[in-house]
N, C-alpha and C. Protein backbone atom coordinates (compact mmCIF):
# COMPACT_ATOMS: atom_id res chain seq x y z
N MET A 1 8.03 -172.90 27.81
CA MET A 1 8.54 -173.70 28.91
C MET A 1 9.82 -173.10 29.48
N ALA A 2 10.62 -172.49 28.60
CA ALA A 2 11.86 -171.89 29.08
C ALA A 2 11.57 -170.75 30.05
N LEU A 3 10.54 -169.97 29.78
CA LEU A 3 10.15 -168.87 30.67
C LEU A 3 9.76 -169.42 32.04
N PHE A 4 8.94 -170.46 32.06
CA PHE A 4 8.51 -171.05 33.33
C PHE A 4 9.71 -171.57 34.13
N ASP A 5 10.62 -172.26 33.44
CA ASP A 5 11.81 -172.80 34.12
C ASP A 5 12.68 -171.68 34.68
N GLU A 6 12.86 -170.63 33.90
CA GLU A 6 13.67 -169.48 34.35
C GLU A 6 13.03 -168.85 35.59
N ASP A 7 11.73 -168.64 35.54
CA ASP A 7 11.04 -168.03 36.68
C ASP A 7 11.07 -168.94 37.91
N ARG A 8 10.94 -170.24 37.71
CA ARG A 8 11.01 -171.17 38.84
C ARG A 8 12.40 -171.10 39.51
N GLY A 9 13.43 -170.96 38.71
CA GLY A 9 14.78 -170.81 39.26
C GLY A 9 14.89 -169.55 40.10
N THR A 10 14.26 -168.48 39.65
CA THR A 10 14.27 -167.22 40.39
C THR A 10 13.49 -167.36 41.70
N ILE A 11 12.37 -168.05 41.65
CA ILE A 11 11.53 -168.24 42.84
C ILE A 11 12.27 -169.03 43.92
N GLN A 12 13.13 -169.95 43.52
CA GLN A 12 13.88 -170.76 44.50
C GLN A 12 14.68 -169.89 45.46
N SER A 13 15.04 -168.69 45.04
CA SER A 13 15.84 -167.81 45.89
C SER A 13 15.06 -167.30 47.10
N LEU A 14 13.75 -167.55 47.15
CA LEU A 14 12.92 -167.05 48.26
C LEU A 14 13.08 -167.85 49.54
N GLY A 15 13.68 -169.02 49.46
CA GLY A 15 13.85 -169.84 50.67
C GLY A 15 12.53 -170.40 51.14
N ARG A 16 12.16 -170.15 52.41
CA ARG A 16 10.95 -170.72 53.00
C ARG A 16 9.67 -170.26 52.29
N SER A 17 9.68 -169.07 51.75
CA SER A 17 8.49 -168.53 51.07
C SER A 17 8.29 -169.12 49.69
N ALA A 18 9.24 -169.87 49.20
CA ALA A 18 9.18 -170.38 47.84
C ALA A 18 8.02 -171.35 47.61
N ALA A 19 7.67 -172.16 48.61
CA ALA A 19 6.64 -173.19 48.42
C ALA A 19 5.30 -172.58 47.99
N SER A 20 4.83 -171.58 48.72
CA SER A 20 3.56 -170.97 48.34
C SER A 20 3.70 -170.14 47.07
N ALA A 21 4.86 -169.53 46.86
CA ALA A 21 5.08 -168.76 45.63
C ALA A 21 5.06 -169.69 44.41
N PHE A 22 5.60 -170.90 44.55
CA PHE A 22 5.55 -171.89 43.47
C PHE A 22 4.09 -172.24 43.13
N ARG A 23 3.28 -172.40 44.16
CA ARG A 23 1.87 -172.74 43.92
C ARG A 23 1.15 -171.62 43.19
N VAL A 24 1.41 -170.38 43.59
CA VAL A 24 0.79 -169.24 42.91
C VAL A 24 1.31 -169.14 41.48
N HIS A 25 2.60 -169.36 41.29
CA HIS A 25 3.20 -169.34 39.95
C HIS A 25 2.57 -170.41 39.06
N ASP A 26 2.39 -171.60 39.60
CA ASP A 26 1.75 -172.67 38.83
C ASP A 26 0.33 -172.27 38.41
N LEU A 27 -0.41 -171.64 39.32
CA LEU A 27 -1.76 -171.18 38.99
C LEU A 27 -1.71 -170.15 37.88
N MET A 28 -0.74 -169.25 37.94
CA MET A 28 -0.66 -168.19 36.94
C MET A 28 -0.24 -168.70 35.57
N GLN A 29 0.31 -169.89 35.51
CA GLN A 29 0.59 -170.50 34.21
C GLN A 29 -0.72 -170.91 33.54
N ARG A 30 -1.72 -171.23 34.33
CA ARG A 30 -3.05 -171.60 33.80
C ARG A 30 -3.94 -170.38 33.67
N ARG A 31 -3.78 -169.41 34.58
CA ARG A 31 -4.59 -168.19 34.60
C ARG A 31 -3.64 -167.02 34.77
N PRO A 32 -3.17 -166.42 33.66
CA PRO A 32 -2.15 -165.37 33.76
C PRO A 32 -2.64 -164.05 34.35
N LEU A 33 -3.94 -163.92 34.58
CA LEU A 33 -4.49 -162.77 35.30
C LEU A 33 -5.24 -163.31 36.51
N VAL A 34 -4.92 -162.79 37.69
CA VAL A 34 -5.52 -163.36 38.91
C VAL A 34 -5.65 -162.29 39.98
N THR A 35 -6.65 -162.45 40.83
CA THR A 35 -6.78 -161.63 42.04
C THR A 35 -6.36 -162.47 43.24
N ILE A 36 -6.08 -161.79 44.33
CA ILE A 36 -5.70 -162.49 45.54
C ILE A 36 -6.85 -163.40 45.99
N GLN A 37 -8.06 -162.87 45.93
CA GLN A 37 -9.23 -163.64 46.38
C GLN A 37 -9.43 -164.89 45.53
N ALA A 38 -9.33 -164.78 44.22
CA ALA A 38 -9.53 -165.93 43.33
C ALA A 38 -8.44 -166.97 43.55
N ALA A 39 -7.19 -166.52 43.68
CA ALA A 39 -6.08 -167.45 43.89
C ALA A 39 -6.23 -168.15 45.24
N SER A 40 -6.63 -167.42 46.26
CA SER A 40 -6.81 -168.00 47.58
C SER A 40 -7.86 -169.10 47.54
N LYS A 41 -8.95 -168.82 46.88
CA LYS A 41 -10.04 -169.81 46.80
C LYS A 41 -9.61 -171.04 46.02
N GLU A 42 -8.96 -170.83 44.88
CA GLU A 42 -8.58 -171.95 44.03
C GLU A 42 -7.48 -172.81 44.66
N LEU A 43 -6.52 -172.15 45.30
CA LEU A 43 -5.38 -172.87 45.87
C LEU A 43 -5.63 -173.34 47.31
N LYS A 44 -6.73 -172.88 47.89
CA LYS A 44 -7.04 -173.20 49.29
C LYS A 44 -5.91 -172.76 50.22
N LEU A 45 -5.42 -171.54 49.95
CA LEU A 45 -4.43 -170.89 50.80
C LEU A 45 -5.07 -169.63 51.39
N SER A 46 -4.56 -169.15 52.51
CA SER A 46 -5.12 -167.96 53.12
C SER A 46 -4.85 -166.72 52.26
N LEU A 47 -5.71 -165.71 52.44
CA LEU A 47 -5.52 -164.46 51.70
C LEU A 47 -4.14 -163.83 51.98
N PRO A 48 -3.69 -163.77 53.25
CA PRO A 48 -2.37 -163.20 53.50
C PRO A 48 -1.23 -163.99 52.84
N THR A 49 -1.35 -165.31 52.80
CA THR A 49 -0.31 -166.14 52.17
C THR A 49 -0.24 -165.86 50.68
N VAL A 50 -1.39 -165.81 50.02
CA VAL A 50 -1.41 -165.52 48.58
C VAL A 50 -0.92 -164.10 48.32
N GLY A 51 -1.37 -163.16 49.15
CA GLY A 51 -0.94 -161.77 48.98
C GLY A 51 0.57 -161.62 49.09
N LYS A 52 1.14 -162.28 50.09
CA LYS A 52 2.60 -162.20 50.29
C LYS A 52 3.33 -162.89 49.14
N SER A 53 2.81 -164.02 48.67
CA SER A 53 3.43 -164.72 47.54
C SER A 53 3.42 -163.85 46.29
N LEU A 54 2.29 -163.19 46.05
CA LEU A 54 2.22 -162.30 44.89
C LEU A 54 3.16 -161.11 45.04
N GLU A 55 3.31 -160.59 46.27
CA GLU A 55 4.27 -159.51 46.50
C GLU A 55 5.68 -159.97 46.17
N HIS A 56 6.02 -161.20 46.59
CA HIS A 56 7.35 -161.74 46.27
C HIS A 56 7.53 -161.84 44.75
N LEU A 57 6.50 -162.33 44.05
CA LEU A 57 6.60 -162.47 42.60
C LEU A 57 6.72 -161.12 41.92
N VAL A 58 6.07 -160.10 42.47
CA VAL A 58 6.21 -158.74 41.94
C VAL A 58 7.65 -158.25 42.18
N ASP A 59 8.15 -158.44 43.39
CA ASP A 59 9.51 -158.01 43.73
C ASP A 59 10.56 -158.69 42.85
N LEU A 60 10.29 -159.94 42.45
CA LEU A 60 11.22 -160.68 41.60
C LEU A 60 11.07 -160.31 40.12
N GLY A 61 10.06 -159.51 39.79
CA GLY A 61 9.86 -159.10 38.41
C GLY A 61 9.13 -160.14 37.57
N ILE A 62 8.49 -161.09 38.21
CA ILE A 62 7.79 -162.16 37.48
C ILE A 62 6.36 -161.74 37.18
N VAL A 63 5.74 -161.05 38.12
CA VAL A 63 4.33 -160.66 38.03
C VAL A 63 4.24 -159.15 38.21
N ARG A 64 3.20 -158.55 37.61
CA ARG A 64 2.95 -157.12 37.79
C ARG A 64 1.53 -156.91 38.29
N GLU A 65 1.37 -155.94 39.19
CA GLU A 65 0.04 -155.53 39.62
C GLU A 65 -0.43 -154.50 38.59
N VAL A 66 -1.62 -154.70 38.03
CA VAL A 66 -2.03 -153.88 36.89
C VAL A 66 -3.14 -152.88 37.17
N THR A 67 -3.74 -152.90 38.36
CA THR A 67 -4.85 -151.99 38.62
C THR A 67 -4.42 -150.69 39.28
N GLY A 68 -3.35 -150.72 40.06
CA GLY A 68 -2.92 -149.53 40.80
C GLY A 68 -3.80 -149.24 42.01
N LYS A 69 -4.63 -150.18 42.40
CA LYS A 69 -5.54 -150.00 43.53
C LYS A 69 -4.96 -150.64 44.79
N GLN A 70 -5.57 -150.33 45.92
CA GLN A 70 -5.20 -150.97 47.18
C GLN A 70 -6.02 -152.23 47.41
N ARG A 71 -7.26 -152.23 46.89
CA ARG A 71 -8.16 -153.37 47.09
C ARG A 71 -8.54 -153.93 45.73
N HIS A 72 -8.88 -155.21 45.72
CA HIS A 72 -9.32 -155.89 44.49
C HIS A 72 -8.28 -155.75 43.37
N ARG A 73 -7.03 -155.92 43.75
CA ARG A 73 -5.94 -155.79 42.78
C ARG A 73 -5.92 -156.99 41.83
N VAL A 74 -5.49 -156.74 40.60
CA VAL A 74 -5.33 -157.79 39.60
C VAL A 74 -3.84 -157.89 39.29
N PHE A 75 -3.35 -159.11 39.28
CA PHE A 75 -1.94 -159.37 39.00
C PHE A 75 -1.83 -160.08 37.66
N ALA A 76 -0.84 -159.69 36.87
CA ALA A 76 -0.66 -160.25 35.54
C ALA A 76 0.72 -160.88 35.41
N TYR A 77 0.75 -162.05 34.81
CA TYR A 77 2.01 -162.72 34.46
C TYR A 77 2.37 -162.16 33.08
N ARG A 78 2.89 -160.95 33.08
CA ARG A 78 3.07 -160.15 31.87
C ARG A 78 3.98 -160.83 30.84
N LYS A 79 5.09 -161.40 31.28
CA LYS A 79 6.01 -162.03 30.31
C LYS A 79 5.32 -163.19 29.59
N TYR A 80 4.50 -163.93 30.31
CA TYR A 80 3.78 -165.04 29.70
C TYR A 80 2.70 -164.51 28.74
N LEU A 81 2.01 -163.47 29.14
CA LEU A 81 1.02 -162.87 28.24
C LEU A 81 1.68 -162.35 26.97
N ASP A 82 2.89 -161.80 27.10
CA ASP A 82 3.63 -161.33 25.92
C ASP A 82 3.94 -162.48 24.98
N VAL A 83 4.32 -163.64 25.53
CA VAL A 83 4.59 -164.83 24.71
C VAL A 83 3.32 -165.25 23.98
N LEU A 84 2.19 -165.25 24.69
CA LEU A 84 0.93 -165.65 24.08
C LEU A 84 0.49 -164.66 23.00
N ASP A 85 0.86 -163.39 23.14
CA ASP A 85 0.47 -162.36 22.17
C ASP A 85 1.31 -162.39 20.89
N ARG A 86 2.47 -163.00 20.93
CA ARG A 86 3.35 -163.01 19.75
C ARG A 86 2.63 -163.60 18.55
N GLY A 87 2.74 -162.92 17.43
CA GLY A 87 2.14 -163.40 16.21
C GLY A 87 0.68 -163.00 16.04
N THR A 88 0.16 -162.24 16.99
CA THR A 88 -1.24 -161.81 16.89
C THR A 88 -1.36 -160.34 16.52
N GLU A 89 -0.22 -159.71 16.20
CA GLU A 89 -0.26 -158.31 15.81
C GLU A 89 -1.01 -158.15 14.50
N PRO A 90 -1.72 -157.04 14.31
CA PRO A 90 -2.42 -156.82 13.03
C PRO A 90 -1.41 -156.68 11.89
N LEU A 91 -1.81 -157.13 10.75
CA LEU A 91 -0.96 -157.03 9.56
C LEU A 91 -0.89 -155.58 9.12
N SER A 92 0.29 -155.14 8.76
CA SER A 92 0.42 -153.77 8.23
C SER A 92 0.15 -153.80 6.73
N LEU A 93 -0.64 -152.89 6.29
CA LEU A 93 -1.00 -152.86 4.87
C LEU A 93 -0.19 -151.87 4.10
């Protein structure tokens, strides 16, 4: 929860763009890997709006684009995935 609150505070700095970025951020708390198309469909926002919101989240260091492609990009909420991964490392023998 602390991570979400910290990131929400960072998103507030976006001003007018913050509203749609908050919606995308909320979605990524439920689905930490997302495409622009999937987010647009689920949130009922336009593709350009979701794309711009994800760009803002990337610029703020909250989200990372993980495919390196121009089309069909996948975005990851990496810090949240890292939290979920904690304690799942293999045991060293």
